[in-house]
Amino acid sequence: MMTDNPLTRPGAAHPDLREPMIALLVDTFYDRARKDDLIGPIFEAAVADWDEHIARITDFWSSVMLRTGRYSGRPLHPHLVLPLRNEHFDRWLALFEATAKELCPPEIAEAFIVRARRIADSFEMARASERGEFAVPRHSLR
């Protein structure tokens, strides 16, 4: 029996989502993340041009949420070289989820959160695989 999976359904993640909301979420989240005691130093060390990074990540979320195709990069690769641990992903998600819930209507916030959790799991599992380890999803099964 097939179930309706919001991650594979064609079209936008939510019919009321627009580019300005994505931009606001990305800008607000990264402003908070840069100031965070745990993940801020990692971001500051990894990002040389914040304007370019924000534009690129906004394109990424536009592609994820609206299926615009604006992002054409490989998002996993840069994260494989960073000194990330599970607690970094946990903090990233906590900040991202809180920001989404604050700025977006509940159904749109949930659409962002579902995708962010899948992304975190994918990155964690890929990082484990690079080390010859096995990891299971920790976030998207909640």
C-alpha atoms as a PDB file:
ATOM      1  CA  MET A   1       0.000   0.000   0.000  1.00  0.00           C
ATOM      2  CA  MET A   2       1.464   3.363  -1.031  1.00  0.00           C
ATOM      3  CA  THR A   3       1.343   6.245   1.406  1.00  0.00           C
ATOM      4  CA  ASP A   4       1.446   9.903   0.539  1.00  0.00           C
ATOM      5  CA  ASN A   5       5.011  11.002   1.234  1.00  0.00           C
ATOM      6  CA  PRO A   6       5.404  14.789   1.426  1.00  0.00           C
ATOM      7  CA  LEU A   7       9.088  14.451   0.552  1.00  0.00           C
ATOM      8  CA  THR A   8       8.419  12.829  -2.818  1.00  0.00           C
ATOM      9  CA  ARG A   9       5.200  14.583  -3.754  1.00  0.00           C
ATOM     10  CA  PRO A  10       5.690  16.881  -6.775  1.00  0.00           C
ATOM     11  CA  GLY A  11       5.504  20.629  -6.358  1.00  0.00           C
ATOM     12  CA  ALA A  12       6.014  22.978  -3.458  1.00  0.00           C
ATOM     13  CA  ALA A  13       6.258  21.659   0.090  1.00  0.00           C
ATOM     14  CA  HIS A  14       3.294  23.886   0.976  1.00  0.00           C
ATOM     15  CA  PRO A  15       1.043  25.912  -1.352  1.00  0.00           C
ATOM     16  CA  ASP A  16       1.382  29.094   0.721  1.00  0.00           C
ATOM     17  CA  LEU A  17       5.173  29.085   0.941  1.00  0.00           C
ATOM     18  CA  ARG A  18       6.935  31.900  -0.921  1.00  0.00           C
ATOM     19  CA  GLU A  19      10.536  32.986  -1.466  1.00  0.00           C
ATOM     20  CA  PRO A  20      10.455  35.869   1.074  1.00  0.00           C
ATOM     21  CA  MET A  21       9.622  33.423   3.885  1.00  0.00           C
ATOM     22  CA  ILE A  22      12.508  31.171   2.884  1.00  0.00           C
ATOM     23  CA  ALA A  23      14.877  34.151   2.809  1.00  0.00           C
ATOM     24  CA  LEU A  24      13.679  35.372   6.210  1.00  0.00           C
ATOM     25  CA  LEU A  25      14.096  31.911   7.745  1.00  0.00           C
ATOM     26  CA  VAL A  26      17.600  31.459   6.327  1.00  0.00           C
ATOM     27  CA  ASP A  27      18.742  34.968   7.330  1.00  0.00           C
ATOM     28  CA  THR A  28      17.328  34.695  10.842  1.00  0.00           C
ATOM     29  CA  PHE A  29      18.612  31.180  11.413  1.00  0.00           C
ATOM     30  CA  TYR A  30      22.172  31.987  10.324  1.00  0.00           C
ATOM     31  CA  ASP A  31      22.218  35.161  12.397  1.00  0.00           C
ATOM     32  CA  ARG A  32      21.378  33.014  15.428  1.00  0.00           C
ATOM     33  CA  ALA A  33      23.672  30.131  14.461  1.00  0.00           C
ATOM     34  CA  ARG A  34      26.664  32.441  14.080  1.00  0.00           C
ATOM     35  CA  LYS A  35      26.145  33.657  17.664  1.00  0.00           C
ATOM     36  CA  ASP A  36      25.637  30.171  19.106  1.00  0.00           C
ATOM     37  CA  ASP A  37      28.377  28.960  21.458  1.00  0.00           C
ATOM     38  CA  LEU A  38      28.468  25.426  20.014  1.00  0.00           C
ATOM     39  CA  ILE A  39      27.968  25.793  16.262  1.00  0.00           C
ATOM     40  CA  GLY A  40      28.898  29.440  15.786  1.00  0.00           C
ATOM     41  CA  PRO A  41      32.662  28.842  15.836  1.00  0.00           C
ATOM     42  CA  ILE A  42      32.332  26.072  13.232  1.00  0.00           C
ATOM     43  CA  PHE A  43      30.338  28.306  10.911  1.00  0.00           C
ATOM     44  CA  GLU A  44      32.699  31.228  11.401  1.00  0.00           C
ATOM     45  CA  ALA A  45      35.725  29.071  10.589  1.00  0.00           C
ATOM     46  CA  ALA A  46      34.103  27.492   7.522  1.00  0.00           C
ATOM     47  CA  VAL A  47      32.378  30.458   5.865  1.00  0.00           C
ATOM     48  CA  ALA A  48      34.555  33.126   4.259  1.00  0.00           C
ATOM     49  CA  ASP A  49      31.815  35.166   2.553  1.00  0.00           C
ATOM     50  CA  TRP A  50      28.578  35.297   4.500  1.00  0.00           C
ATOM     51  CA  ASP A  51      26.603  37.103   1.787  1.00  0.00           C
ATOM     52  CA  GLU A  52      27.506  34.398  -0.720  1.00  0.00           C
ATOM     53  CA  HIS A  53      26.764  31.636   1.809  1.00  0.00           C
ATOM     54  CA  ILE A  54      23.344  33.049   2.698  1.00  0.00           C
ATOM     55  CA  ALA A  55      22.457  33.402  -0.999  1.00  0.00           C
ATOM     56  CA  ARG A  56      23.602  29.834  -1.698  1.00  0.00           C
ATOM     57  CA  ILE A  57      21.702  28.354   1.245  1.00  0.00           C
ATOM     58  CA  THR A  58      18.605  30.357   0.312  1.00  0.00           C
ATOM     59  CA  ASP A  59      18.858  28.816  -3.162  1.00  0.00           C
ATOM     60  CA  PHE A  60      19.244  25.388  -1.537  1.00  0.00           C
ATOM     61  CA  TRP A  61      16.086  25.785   0.563  1.00  0.00           C
ATOM     62  CA  SER A  62      14.206  27.236  -2.412  1.00  0.00           C
ATOM     63  CA  SER A  63      15.106  24.102  -4.362  1.00  0.00           C
ATOM     64  CA  VAL A  64      14.144  21.825  -1.474  1.00  0.00           C
ATOM     65  CA  MET A  65      10.890  23.563  -0.547  1.00  0.00           C
ATOM     66  CA  LEU A  66       9.641  25.000  -3.840  1.00  0.00           C
ATOM     67  CA  ARG A  67      11.438  22.704  -6.299  1.00  0.00           C
ATOM     68  CA  THR A  68      12.862  25.724  -8.118  1.00  0.00           C
ATOM     69  CA  GLY A  69      16.099  24.006  -9.111  1.00  0.00           C
ATOM     70  CA  ARG A  70      18.077  27.134  -8.200  1.00  0.00           C
ATOM     71  CA  TYR A  71      20.636  25.160  -6.214  1.00  0.00           C
ATOM     72  CA  SER A  72      22.957  22.984  -8.242  1.00  0.00           C
ATOM     73  CA  GLY A  73      25.723  22.253  -5.747  1.00  0.00           C
ATOM     74  CA  ARG A  74      26.676  19.251  -3.696  1.00  0.00           C
ATOM     75  CA  PRO A  75      25.656  20.141  -0.130  1.00  0.00           C
ATOM     76  CA  LEU A  76      27.131  17.082   1.549  1.00  0.00           C
ATOM     77  CA  HIS A  77      30.744  17.520   0.454  1.00  0.00           C
ATOM     78  CA  PRO A  78      31.586  20.681   2.443  1.00  0.00           C
ATOM     79  CA  HIS A  79      30.157  19.101   5.593  1.00  0.00           C
ATOM     80  CA  LEU A  80      32.337  16.006   5.326  1.00  0.00           C
ATOM     81  CA  VAL A  81      35.495  18.021   5.994  1.00  0.00           C
ATOM     82  CA  LEU A  82      34.179  19.869   9.047  1.00  0.00           C
ATOM     83  CA  PRO A  83      34.825  18.657  12.622  1.00  0.00           C
ATOM     84  CA  LEU A  84      31.146  17.899  13.225  1.00  0.00           C
ATOM     85  CA  ARG A  85      29.734  15.632  15.915  1.00  0.00           C
ATOM     86  CA  ASN A  86      26.173  14.551  16.639  1.00  0.00           C
ATOM     87  CA  GLU A  87      25.717  17.376  19.127  1.00  0.00           C
ATOM     88  CA  HIS A  88      26.422  19.891  16.341  1.00  0.00           C
ATOM     89  CA  PHE A  89      23.625  18.427  14.232  1.00  0.00           C
ATOM     90  CA  ASP A  90      21.349  18.381  17.285  1.00  0.00           C
ATOM     91  CA  ARG A  91      22.032  22.054  17.970  1.00  0.00           C
ATOM     92  CA  TRP A  92      21.619  22.976  14.275  1.00  0.00           C
ATOM     93  CA  LEU A  93      18.231  21.280  14.254  1.00  0.00           C
ATOM     94  CA  ALA A  94      17.118  22.806  17.554  1.00  0.00           C
ATOM     95  CA  LEU A  95      17.929  26.315  16.321  1.00  0.00           C
ATOM     96  CA  PHE A  96      16.465  25.691  12.877  1.00  0.00           C
ATOM     97  CA  GLU A  97      13.255  24.202  14.258  1.00  0.00           C
ATOM     98  CA  ALA A  98      12.782  26.997  16.789  1.00  0.00           C
ATOM     99  CA  THR A  99      13.337  29.608  14.072  1.00  0.00           C
ATOM    100  CA  ALA A 100      10.930  27.899  11.667  1.00  0.00           C
ATOM    101  CA  LYS A 101       8.248  27.642  14.358  1.00  0.00           C
ATOM    102  CA  GLU A 102       8.714  31.295  15.274  1.00  0.00           C
ATOM    103  CA  LEU A 103       8.632  32.704  11.740  1.00  0.00           C
ATOM    104  CA  CYS A 104       6.363  30.375   9.759  1.00  0.00           C
ATOM    105  CA  PRO A 105       2.777  29.258  10.033  1.00  0.00           C
ATOM    106  CA  PRO A 106       2.622  25.815  11.718  1.00  0.00           C
ATOM    107  CA  GLU A 107       2.111  23.730   8.567  1.00  0.00           C
ATOM    108  CA  ILE A 108       4.956  25.466   6.737  1.00  0.00           C
ATOM    109  CA  ALA A 109       7.234  25.204   9.778  1.00  0.00           C
ATOM    110  CA  GLU A 110       6.512  21.476   9.905  1.00  0.00           C
ATOM    111  CA  ALA A 111       7.365  21.115   6.205  1.00  0.00           C
ATOM    112  CA  PHE A 112      10.750  22.764   6.831  1.00  0.00           C
ATOM    113  CA  ILE A 113      11.359  20.653   9.942  1.00  0.00           C
ATOM    114  CA  VAL A 114      10.605  17.331   8.228  1.00  0.00           C
ATOM    115  CA  ARG A 115      13.122  18.152   5.514  1.00  0.00           C
ATOM    116  CA  ALA A 116      15.745  19.544   7.899  1.00  0.00           C
ATOM    117  CA  ARG A 117      15.607  16.348   9.974  1.00  0.00           C
ATOM    118  CA  ARG A 118      16.066  14.224   6.854  1.00  0.00           C
ATOM    119  CA  ILE A 119      19.017  16.352   5.790  1.00  0.00           C
ATOM    120  CA  ALA A 120      20.639  16.054   9.232  1.00  0.00           C
ATOM    121  CA  ASP A 121      20.207  12.273   9.171  1.00  0.00           C
ATOM    122  CA  SER A 122      21.591  12.032   5.663  1.00  0.00           C
ATOM    123  CA  PHE A 123      24.662  14.078   6.571  1.00  0.00           C
ATOM    124  CA  GLU A 124      25.272  12.143   9.798  1.00  0.00           C
ATOM    125  CA  MET A 125      24.986   8.797   8.039  1.00  0.00           C
ATOM    126  CA  ALA A 126      27.299   9.920   5.228  1.00  0.00           C
ATOM    127  CA  ARG A 127      29.875  11.161   7.738  1.00  0.00           C
ATOM    128  CA  ALA A 128      29.730   7.817   9.558  1.00  0.00           C
ATOM    129  CA  SER A 129      30.124   5.951   6.287  1.00  0.00           C
ATOM    130  CA  GLU A 130      33.221   7.999   5.457  1.00  0.00           C
ATOM    131  CA  ARG A 131      34.726   6.747   8.728  1.00  0.00           C
ATOM    132  CA  GLY A 132      33.737   3.143   7.974  1.00  0.00           C
ATOM    133  CA  GLU A 133      30.997   3.238  10.583  1.00  0.00           C
ATOM    134  CA  PHE A 134      27.285   2.576  10.420  1.00  0.00           C
ATOM    135  CA  ALA A 135      24.715   5.096  11.608  1.00  0.00           C
ATOM    136  CA  VAL A 136      20.939   5.014  11.715  1.00  0.00           C
ATOM    137  CA  PRO A 137      18.598   7.985  11.380  1.00  0.00           C
ATOM    138  CA  ARG A 138      18.257   9.816  14.693  1.00  0.00           C
ATOM    139  CA  HIS A 139      16.085  12.760  13.700  1.00  0.00           C
ATOM    140  CA  SER A 140      13.595  11.904  10.971  1.00  0.00           C
ATOM    141  CA  LEU A 141      11.983   9.035  12.860  1.00  0.00           C
ATOM    142  CA  ARG A 142      10.555  11.267  15.603  1.00  0.00           C
END
